[in-house]
Amino acid sequence: MLGENAAHDLHRSDDAVARPLGLGATVVGTAIWIVTLPFSALGGNVSEATDRLIVDPARFTFVRPLGEL
């Protein structure tokens, strides 16, 4: 179990580093998804591309509890 200071530091680093990186990954993933959408549609894997490029980074950024990396 983490000590109280270590847990606080983990929350702070998550808030200051991991969440902004996750937001950036969501934005970049969305841009890549838009560019590759016609090819994904031709290949029939739009759902998989959406999950991997948009949903996973968004879930990491907005859904997961603070400090849980």
Protein backbone atom coordinates (compact mmCIF):
# COMPACT_ATOMS: atom_id res chain seq x y z
CA MET A 1 0.00 0.00 0.00
CA LEU A 2 1.28 3.45 -0.82
CA GLY A 3 1.91 5.96 1.90
CA GLU A 4 -0.23 9.08 1.98
CA ASN A 5 2.53 11.26 0.48
CA ALA A 6 3.25 8.77 -2.30
CA ALA A 7 -0.45 8.50 -3.15
CA HIS A 8 -0.73 12.29 -3.24
CA ASP A 9 2.31 12.51 -5.54
CA LEU A 10 0.82 9.86 -7.81
CA HIS A 11 -2.46 11.81 -8.05
CA ARG A 12 -0.57 15.00 -8.77
CA SER A 13 1.57 13.42 -11.50
CA ASP A 14 -1.51 11.81 -13.01
CA ASP A 15 -3.29 15.15 -13.03
CA ALA A 16 -0.28 17.08 -14.38
CA VAL A 17 1.19 14.58 -16.85
CA ALA A 18 -0.98 11.59 -17.73
CA ARG A 19 -4.32 13.37 -18.23
CA PRO A 20 -2.92 16.05 -20.59
CA LEU A 21 -1.07 13.35 -22.55
CA GLY A 22 -4.29 11.34 -22.74
CA LEU A 23 -6.17 14.38 -24.00
CA GLY A 24 -3.49 14.93 -26.65
CA ALA A 25 -3.72 11.28 -27.66
CA THR A 26 -7.49 11.63 -27.98
CA VAL A 27 -7.15 14.70 -30.23
CA VAL A 28 -4.40 13.15 -32.39
CA GLY A 29 -6.28 9.85 -32.57
CA THR A 30 -9.42 11.65 -33.72
CA ALA A 31 -7.46 13.45 -36.45
CA ILE A 32 -5.90 10.17 -37.61
CA TRP A 33 -9.32 8.51 -37.52
CA ILE A 34 -10.80 11.24 -39.75
CA VAL A 35 -7.97 10.93 -42.29
CA THR A 36 -8.12 7.12 -42.39
CA LEU A 37 -11.93 6.80 -42.24
CA PRO A 38 -12.41 6.13 -45.97
CA PHE A 39 -9.85 3.32 -45.86
CA SER A 40 -11.35 1.88 -42.68
CA ALA A 41 -14.78 1.95 -44.30
CA LEU A 42 -13.46 0.12 -47.35
CA GLY A 43 -11.87 -2.50 -45.12
CA GLY A 44 -14.97 -2.81 -42.96
CA ASN A 45 -13.19 -2.03 -39.70
CA VAL A 46 -14.54 1.39 -38.73
CA SER A 47 -15.61 0.11 -35.32
CA GLU A 48 -12.17 -1.26 -34.49
CA ALA A 49 -10.46 1.94 -35.65
CA THR A 50 -12.89 4.04 -33.59
CA ASP A 51 -12.25 1.97 -30.48
CA ARG A 52 -8.47 2.03 -30.82
CA LEU A 53 -7.98 5.65 -31.92
CA ILE A 54 -10.75 7.52 -30.08
CA VAL A 55 -12.52 5.48 -27.40
CA ASP A 56 -9.47 3.98 -25.66
CA PRO A 57 -7.59 7.30 -25.22
CA ALA A 58 -10.80 9.08 -24.20
CA ARG A 59 -11.57 6.40 -21.63
CA PHE A 60 -8.00 6.69 -20.27
CA THR A 61 -8.38 10.47 -19.99
CA PHE A 62 -11.93 10.97 -18.78
CA VAL A 63 -13.25 7.75 -17.22
CA ARG A 64 -10.46 6.11 -15.24
CA PRO A 65 -10.07 7.07 -11.57
CA LEU A 66 -7.43 9.63 -10.66
CA GLY A 67 -4.10 8.01 -9.82
CA GLU A 68 -4.90 4.67 -11.44
CA LEU A 69 -2.31 4.23 -14.17
